[in-house]
Amino acid sequence: MFIRLLKTAYSDAGAAQENTQRLEKLLGPKETQLSSASMRKELILHDAEKLKEEFGLSDREAEAITLYALGKTQQAIA
């Protein structure tokens, strides 16, 4: 189901354009670029927020998705 949510979230052109703009903002000039770990976390947080909005997820559900994406275990999330 999670994969289906992700596919749906990225299926429209507006979302794709928004994500491209988000990446450009994150990359920015060389001296202000985020580390790859920071960029990954920022993108995961952004994606979780989009899923929350699109599917009416609660704050905790969005937080759990974010933590799963960051590699946390179910026990750690609980």
PDB file of N, CA and C in Angstrom:
ATOM      1  N   MET A   1       0.819  -1.185   0.000  1.00  0.00           N
ATOM      2  CA  MET A   1       0.000   0.000   0.000  1.00  0.00           C
ATOM      3  C   MET A   1       0.871   1.260   0.000  1.00  0.00           C
ATOM      4  N   PHE A   2       1.967   1.230   0.743  1.00  0.00           N
ATOM      5  CA  PHE A   2       2.862   2.389   0.802  1.00  0.00           C
ATOM      6  C   PHE A   2       3.386   2.730  -0.590  1.00  0.00           C
ATOM      7  N   ILE A   3       3.772   1.715  -1.353  1.00  0.00           N
ATOM      8  CA  ILE A   3       4.273   1.940  -2.718  1.00  0.00           C
ATOM      9  C   ILE A   3       3.177   2.564  -3.569  1.00  0.00           C
ATOM     10  N   ARG A   4       1.947   2.096  -3.409  1.00  0.00           N
ATOM     11  CA  ARG A   4       0.838   2.659  -4.159  1.00  0.00           C
ATOM     12  C   ARG A   4       0.638   4.131  -3.804  1.00  0.00           C
ATOM     13  N   LEU A   5       0.770   4.465  -2.525  1.00  0.00           N
ATOM     14  CA  LEU A   5       0.654   5.861  -2.105  1.00  0.00           C
ATOM     15  C   LEU A   5       1.729   6.720  -2.758  1.00  0.00           C
ATOM     16  N   LEU A   6       2.953   6.211  -2.783  1.00  0.00           N
ATOM     17  CA  LEU A   6       4.051   6.961  -3.396  1.00  0.00           C
ATOM     18  C   LEU A   6       3.823   7.166  -4.886  1.00  0.00           C
ATOM     19  N   LYS A   7       3.377   6.104  -5.589  1.00  0.00           N
ATOM     20  CA  LYS A   7       3.123   6.226  -7.025  1.00  0.00           C
ATOM     21  C   LYS A   7       2.036   7.255  -7.290  1.00  0.00           C
ATOM     22  N   THR A   8       0.996   7.242  -6.487  1.00  0.00           N
ATOM     23  CA  THR A   8      -0.090   8.200  -6.656  1.00  0.00           C
ATOM     24  C   THR A   8       0.392   9.617  -6.402  1.00  0.00           C
ATOM     25  N   ALA A   9       1.199   9.791  -5.381  1.00  0.00           N
ATOM     26  CA  ALA A   9       1.690  11.122  -5.029  1.00  0.00           C
ATOM     27  C   ALA A   9       2.532  11.736  -6.140  1.00  0.00           C
ATOM     28  N   TYR A  10       3.184  10.903  -6.941  1.00  0.00           N
ATOM     29  CA  TYR A  10       4.060  11.409  -8.004  1.00  0.00           C
ATOM     30  C   TYR A  10       3.468  11.253  -9.394  1.00  0.00           C
ATOM     31  N   SER A  11       2.192  10.934  -9.493  1.00  0.00           N
ATOM     32  CA  SER A  11       1.607  10.652 -10.797  1.00  0.00           C
ATOM     33  C   SER A  11       1.245  11.905 -11.594  1.00  0.00           C
ATOM     34  N   ASP A  12       1.065  13.045 -10.954  1.00  0.00           N
ATOM     35  CA  ASP A  12       0.681  14.220 -11.733  1.00  0.00           C
ATOM     36  C   ASP A  12       1.888  15.098 -12.048  1.00  0.00           C
ATOM     37  N   ALA A  13       1.753  15.843 -13.135  1.00  0.00           N
ATOM     38  CA  ALA A  13       2.858  16.670 -13.618  1.00  0.00           C
ATOM     39  C   ALA A  13       3.201  17.785 -12.647  1.00  0.00           C
ATOM     40  N   GLY A  14       2.203  18.341 -11.979  1.00  0.00           N
ATOM     41  CA  GLY A  14       2.448  19.415 -11.016  1.00  0.00           C
ATOM     42  C   GLY A  14       3.345  18.954  -9.887  1.00  0.00           C
ATOM     43  N   ALA A  15       3.116  17.733  -9.405  1.00  0.00           N
ATOM     44  CA  ALA A  15       3.946  17.191  -8.331  1.00  0.00           C
ATOM     45  C   ALA A  15       5.372  16.988  -8.826  1.00  0.00           C
ATOM     46  N   ALA A  16       5.516  16.506 -10.047  1.00  0.00           N
ATOM     47  CA  ALA A  16       6.854  16.290 -10.600  1.00  0.00           C
ATOM     48  C   ALA A  16       7.609  17.604 -10.726  1.00  0.00           C
ATOM     49  N   GLN A  17       6.918  18.646 -11.202  1.00  0.00           N
ATOM     50  CA  GLN A  17       7.562  19.957 -11.334  1.00  0.00           C
ATOM     51  C   GLN A  17       7.930  20.513  -9.960  1.00  0.00           C
ATOM     52  N   GLU A  18       7.029  20.368  -9.002  1.00  0.00           N
ATOM     53  CA  GLU A  18       7.296  20.857  -7.649  1.00  0.00           C
ATOM     54  C   GLU A  18       8.505  20.147  -7.047  1.00  0.00           C
ATOM     55  N   ASN A  19       8.608  18.849  -7.270  1.00  0.00           N
ATOM     56  CA  ASN A  19       9.736  18.096  -6.736  1.00  0.00           C
ATOM     57  C   ASN A  19      11.048  18.500  -7.405  1.00  0.00           C
ATOM     58  N   THR A  20      10.984  18.796  -8.699  1.00  0.00           N
ATOM     59  CA  THR A  20      12.182  19.270  -9.400  1.00  0.00           C
ATOM     60  C   THR A  20      12.633  20.612  -8.826  1.00  0.00           C
ATOM     61  N   GLN A  21      11.681  21.511  -8.596  1.00  0.00           N
ATOM     62  CA  GLN A  21      12.019  22.813  -8.009  1.00  0.00           C
ATOM     63  C   GLN A  21      12.579  22.641  -6.603  1.00  0.00           C
ATOM     64  N   ARG A  22      12.026  21.698  -5.864  1.00  0.00           N
ATOM     65  CA  ARG A  22      12.502  21.438  -4.506  1.00  0.00           C
ATOM     66  C   ARG A  22      13.953  20.964  -4.538  1.00  0.00           C
ATOM     67  N   LEU A  23      14.271  20.058  -5.468  1.00  0.00           N
ATOM     68  CA  LEU A  23      15.650  19.581  -5.591  1.00  0.00           C
ATOM     69  C   LEU A  23      16.597  20.717  -5.953  1.00  0.00           C
ATOM     70  N   GLU A  24      16.173  21.565  -6.886  1.00  0.00           N
ATOM     71  CA  GLU A  24      17.017  22.689  -7.274  1.00  0.00           C
ATOM     72  C   GLU A  24      17.271  23.609  -6.081  1.00  0.00           C
ATOM     73  N   LYS A  25      16.243  23.838  -5.279  1.00  0.00           N
ATOM     74  CA  LYS A  25      16.405  24.671  -4.094  1.00  0.00           C
ATOM     75  C   LYS A  25      17.368  24.028  -3.102  1.00  0.00           C
ATOM     76  N   LEU A  26      17.235  22.711  -2.924  1.00  0.00           N
ATOM     77  CA  LEU A  26      18.112  22.008  -1.993  1.00  0.00           C
ATOM     78  C   LEU A  26      19.561  22.016  -2.463  1.00  0.00           C
ATOM     79  N   LEU A  27      19.757  21.849  -3.763  1.00  0.00           N
ATOM     80  CA  LEU A  27      21.126  21.808  -4.286  1.00  0.00           C
ATOM     81  C   LEU A  27      21.765  23.189  -4.235  1.00  0.00           C
ATOM     82  N   GLY A  28      21.047  24.196  -4.718  1.00  0.00           N
ATOM     83  CA  GLY A  28      21.530  25.572  -4.650  1.00  0.00           C
ATOM     84  C   GLY A  28      22.978  25.726  -5.097  1.00  0.00           C
ATOM     85  N   PRO A  29      23.573  26.878  -4.784  1.00  0.00           N
ATOM     86  CA  PRO A  29      24.988  27.094  -5.109  1.00  0.00           C
ATOM     87  C   PRO A  29      25.878  26.104  -4.348  1.00  0.00           C
ATOM     88  N   LYS A  30      26.990  25.787  -4.917  1.00  0.00           N
ATOM     89  CA  LYS A  30      27.905  24.779  -4.361  1.00  0.00           C
ATOM     90  C   LYS A  30      28.228  25.023  -2.888  1.00  0.00           C
ATOM     91  N   GLU A  31      28.467  26.270  -2.510  1.00  0.00           N
ATOM     92  CA  GLU A  31      28.874  26.560  -1.127  1.00  0.00           C
ATOM     93  C   GLU A  31      27.725  26.403  -0.121  1.00  0.00           C
ATOM     94  N   THR A  32      26.484  26.340  -0.609  1.00  0.00           N
ATOM     95  CA  THR A  32      25.359  26.208   0.313  1.00  0.00           C
ATOM     96  C   THR A  32      24.672  24.842   0.219  1.00  0.00           C
ATOM     97  N   GLN A  33      25.248  23.915  -0.541  1.00  0.00           N
ATOM     98  CA  GLN A  33      24.624  22.602  -0.702  1.00  0.00           C
ATOM     99  C   GLN A  33      24.580  21.845   0.619  1.00  0.00           C
ATOM    100  N   LEU A  34      23.478  21.140   0.817  1.00  0.00           N
ATOM    101  CA  LEU A  34      23.335  20.289   1.985  1.00  0.00           C
ATOM    102  C   LEU A  34      24.126  19.009   1.789  1.00  0.00           C
ATOM    103  N   SER A  35      24.491  18.348   2.879  1.00  0.00           N
ATOM    104  CA  SER A  35      25.131  17.053   2.765  1.00  0.00           C
ATOM    105  C   SER A  35      24.108  16.079   2.204  1.00  0.00           C
ATOM    106  N   SER A  36      24.562  14.962   1.665  1.00  0.00           N
ATOM    107  CA  SER A  36      23.630  13.994   1.088  1.00  0.00           C
ATOM    108  C   SER A  36      22.676  13.453   2.150  1.00  0.00           C
ATOM    109  N   ALA A  37      23.139  13.274   3.380  1.00  0.00           N
ATOM    110  CA  ALA A  37      22.267  12.795   4.454  1.00  0.00           C
ATOM    111  C   ALA A  37      21.201  13.830   4.792  1.00  0.00           C
ATOM    112  N   SER A  38      21.598  15.093   4.855  1.00  0.00           N
ATOM    113  CA  SER A  38      20.637  16.156   5.141  1.00  0.00           C
ATOM    114  C   SER A  38      19.629  16.300   4.011  1.00  0.00           C
ATOM    115  N   MET A  39      20.117  16.193   2.779  1.00  0.00           N
ATOM    116  CA  MET A  39      19.234  16.301   1.628  1.00  0.00           C
ATOM    117  C   MET A  39      18.237  15.141   1.612  1.00  0.00           C
ATOM    118  N   ARG A  40      18.716  13.949   1.895  1.00  0.00           N
ATOM    119  CA  ARG A  40      17.843  12.773   1.927  1.00  0.00           C
ATOM    120  C   ARG A  40      16.745  12.951   2.979  1.00  0.00           C
ATOM    121  N   LYS A  41      17.134  13.405   4.149  1.00  0.00           N
ATOM    122  CA  LYS A  41      16.163  13.614   5.221  1.00  0.00           C
ATOM    123  C   LYS A  41      15.150  14.684   4.836  1.00  0.00           C
ATOM    124  N   GLU A  42      15.615  15.760   4.248  1.00  0.00           N
ATOM    125  CA  GLU A  42      14.735  16.846   3.822  1.00  0.00           C
ATOM    126  C   GLU A  42      13.733  16.357   2.778  1.00  0.00           C
ATOM    127  N   LEU A  43      14.184  15.562   1.830  1.00  0.00           N
ATOM    128  CA  LEU A  43      13.299  15.035   0.803  1.00  0.00           C
ATOM    129  C   LEU A  43      12.285  14.063   1.400  1.00  0.00           C
ATOM    130  N   ILE A  44      12.707  13.248   2.336  1.00  0.00           N
ATOM    131  CA  ILE A  44      11.791  12.311   2.996  1.00  0.00           C
ATOM    132  C   ILE A  44      10.719  13.078   3.766  1.00  0.00           C
ATOM    133  N   LEU A  45      11.114  14.119   4.486  1.00  0.00           N
ATOM    134  CA  LEU A  45      10.143  14.938   5.220  1.00  0.00           C
ATOM    135  C   LEU A  45       9.144  15.594   4.264  1.00  0.00           C
ATOM    136  N   HIS A  46       9.651  16.080   3.152  1.00  0.00           N
ATOM    137  CA  HIS A  46       8.794  16.698   2.143  1.00  0.00           C
ATOM    138  C   HIS A  46       7.801  15.683   1.585  1.00  0.00           C
ATOM    139  N   ASP A  47       8.284  14.496   1.243  1.00  0.00           N
ATOM    140  CA  ASP A  47       7.414  13.456   0.694  1.00  0.00           C
ATOM    141  C   ASP A  47       6.355  13.030   1.701  1.00  0.00           C
ATOM    142  N   ALA A  48       6.733  12.902   2.952  1.00  0.00           N
ATOM    143  CA  ALA A  48       5.773  12.519   3.991  1.00  0.00           C
ATOM    144  C   ALA A  48       4.694  13.587   4.140  1.00  0.00           C
ATOM    145  N   GLU A  49       5.081  14.844   4.037  1.00  0.00           N
ATOM    146  CA  GLU A  49       4.105  15.934   4.130  1.00  0.00           C
ATOM    147  C   GLU A  49       3.131  15.886   2.958  1.00  0.00           C
ATOM    148  N   LYS A  50       3.638  15.606   1.761  1.00  0.00           N
ATOM    149  CA  LYS A  50       2.775  15.496   0.586  1.00  0.00           C
ATOM    150  C   LYS A  50       1.798  14.334   0.746  1.00  0.00           C
ATOM    151  N   LEU A  51       2.273  13.199   1.242  1.00  0.00           N
ATOM    152  CA  LEU A  51       1.391  12.053   1.478  1.00  0.00           C
ATOM    153  C   LEU A  51       0.335  12.402   2.520  1.00  0.00           C
ATOM    154  N   LYS A  52       0.750  13.104   3.556  1.00  0.00           N
ATOM    155  CA  LYS A  52      -0.176  13.509   4.615  1.00  0.00           C
ATOM    156  C   LYS A  52      -1.305  14.357   4.041  1.00  0.00           C
ATOM    157  N   GLU A  53      -0.950  15.335   3.218  1.00  0.00           N
ATOM    158  CA  GLU A  53      -1.946  16.214   2.616  1.00  0.00           C
ATOM    159  C   GLU A  53      -2.870  15.463   1.663  1.00  0.00           C
ATOM    160  N   GLU A  54      -2.281  14.662   0.797  1.00  0.00           N
ATOM    161  CA  GLU A  54      -3.053  13.997  -0.244  1.00  0.00           C
ATOM    162  C   GLU A  54      -3.991  12.922   0.300  1.00  0.00           C
ATOM    163  N   PHE A  55      -3.560  12.212   1.318  1.00  0.00           N
ATOM    164  CA  PHE A  55      -4.346  11.088   1.809  1.00  0.00           C
ATOM    165  C   PHE A  55      -4.961  11.332   3.185  1.00  0.00           C
ATOM    166  N   GLY A  56      -4.832  12.541   3.700  1.00  0.00           N
ATOM    167  CA  GLY A  56      -5.443  12.876   4.980  1.00  0.00           C
ATOM    168  C   GLY A  56      -4.875  12.086   6.143  1.00  0.00           C
ATOM    169  N   LEU A  57      -3.564  11.872   6.114  1.00  0.00           N
ATOM    170  CA  LEU A  57      -2.918  11.128   7.195  1.00  0.00           C
ATOM    171  C   LEU A  57      -2.813  11.989   8.444  1.00  0.00           C
ATOM    172  N   SER A  58      -2.801  11.333   9.583  1.00  0.00           N
ATOM    173  CA  SER A  58      -2.595  12.051  10.837  1.00  0.00           C
ATOM    174  C   SER A  58      -1.119  12.425  10.964  1.00  0.00           C
ATOM    175  N   ASP A  59      -0.821  13.296  11.918  1.00  0.00           N
ATOM    176  CA  ASP A  59       0.575  13.666  12.162  1.00  0.00           C
ATOM    177  C   ASP A  59       1.407  12.430  12.496  1.00  0.00           C
ATOM    178  N   ARG A  60       0.852  11.543  13.316  1.00  0.00           N
ATOM    179  CA  ARG A  60       1.592  10.340  13.729  1.00  0.00           C
ATOM    180  C   ARG A  60       1.817   9.393  12.553  1.00  0.00           C
ATOM    181  N   GLU A  61       0.832   9.263  11.676  1.00  0.00           N
ATOM    182  CA  GLU A  61       1.008   8.398  10.503  1.00  0.00           C
ATOM    183  C   GLU A  61       2.116   8.945   9.592  1.00  0.00           C
ATOM    184  N   ALA A  62       2.125  10.254   9.393  1.00  0.00           N
ATOM    185  CA  ALA A  62       3.174  10.871   8.576  1.00  0.00           C
ATOM    186  C   ALA A  62       4.536  10.706   9.243  1.00  0.00           C
ATOM    187  N   GLU A  63       4.563  10.842  10.564  1.00  0.00           N
ATOM    188  CA  GLU A  63       5.816  10.656  11.302  1.00  0.00           C
ATOM    189  C   GLU A  63       6.315   9.217  11.165  1.00  0.00           C
ATOM    190  N   ALA A  64       5.404   8.249  11.260  1.00  0.00           N
ATOM    191  CA  ALA A  64       5.796   6.836  11.136  1.00  0.00           C
ATOM    192  C   ALA A  64       6.348   6.551   9.742  1.00  0.00           C
ATOM    193  N   ILE A  65       5.717   7.094   8.704  1.00  0.00           N
ATOM    194  CA  ILE A  65       6.215   6.907   7.340  1.00  0.00           C
ATOM    195  C   ILE A  65       7.617   7.491   7.211  1.00  0.00           C
ATOM    196  N   THR A  66       7.811   8.672   7.769  1.00  0.00           N
ATOM    197  CA  THR A  66       9.123   9.316   7.725  1.00  0.00           C
ATOM    198  C   THR A  66      10.174   8.457   8.416  1.00  0.00           C
ATOM    199  N   LEU A  67       9.849   7.951   9.587  1.00  0.00           N
ATOM    200  CA  LEU A  67      10.809   7.137  10.339  1.00  0.00           C
ATOM    201  C   LEU A  67      11.129   5.824   9.618  1.00  0.00           C
ATOM    202  N   TYR A  68      10.110   5.198   9.001  1.00  0.00           N
ATOM    203  CA  TYR A  68      10.368   3.992   8.197  1.00  0.00           C
ATOM    204  C   TYR A  68      11.323   4.313   7.056  1.00  0.00           C
ATOM    205  N   ALA A  69      11.057   5.430   6.367  1.00  0.00           N
ATOM    206  CA  ALA A  69      11.907   5.823   5.240  1.00  0.00           C
ATOM    207  C   ALA A  69      13.335   6.126   5.678  1.00  0.00           C
ATOM    208  N   LEU A  70      13.495   6.575   6.923  1.00  0.00           N
ATOM    209  CA  LEU A  70      14.833   6.854   7.449  1.00  0.00           C
ATOM    210  C   LEU A  70      15.525   5.599   7.971  1.00  0.00           C
ATOM    211  N   GLY A  71      14.826   4.457   7.889  1.00  0.00           N
ATOM    212  CA  GLY A  71      15.458   3.194   8.255  1.00  0.00           C
ATOM    213  C   GLY A  71      15.227   2.753   9.690  1.00  0.00           C
ATOM    214  N   LYS A  72      14.306   3.393  10.388  1.00  0.00           N
ATOM    215  CA  LYS A  72      14.025   3.005  11.765  1.00  0.00           C
ATOM    216  C   LYS A  72      13.231   1.695  11.770  1.00  0.00           C
ATOM    217  N   THR A  73      13.376   0.927  12.836  1.00  0.00           N
ATOM    218  CA  THR A  73      12.629  -0.314  12.964  1.00  0.00           C
ATOM    219  C   THR A  73      11.248  -0.033  13.522  1.00  0.00           C
ATOM    220  N   GLN A  74      10.367  -1.016  13.376  1.00  0.00           N
ATOM    221  CA  GLN A  74       9.016  -0.861  13.903  1.00  0.00           C
ATOM    222  C   GLN A  74       9.054  -0.665  15.427  1.00  0.00           C
ATOM    223  N   GLN A  75       9.932  -1.378  16.079  1.00  0.00           N
ATOM    224  CA  GLN A  75      10.054  -1.245  17.532  1.00  0.00           C
ATOM    225  C   GLN A  75      10.521   0.161  17.919  1.00  0.00           C
ATOM    226  N   ALA A  76      11.471   0.690  17.190  1.00  0.00           N
ATOM    227  CA  ALA A  76      11.968   2.039  17.472  1.00  0.00           C
ATOM    228  C   ALA A  76      10.879   3.089  17.235  1.00  0.00           C
ATOM    229  N   ILE A  77      10.082   2.880  16.207  1.00  0.00           N
ATOM    230  CA  ILE A  77       9.008   3.820  15.886  1.00  0.00           C
ATOM    231  C   ILE A  77       7.923   3.796  16.951  1.00  0.00           C
ATOM    232  N   ALA A  78       7.608   2.594  17.436  1.00  0.00           N
ATOM    233  CA  ALA A  78       6.584   2.458  18.478  1.00  0.00           C
ATOM    234  C   ALA A  78       7.037   3.173  19.725  1.00  0.00           C
TER     235      ALA A  78
END
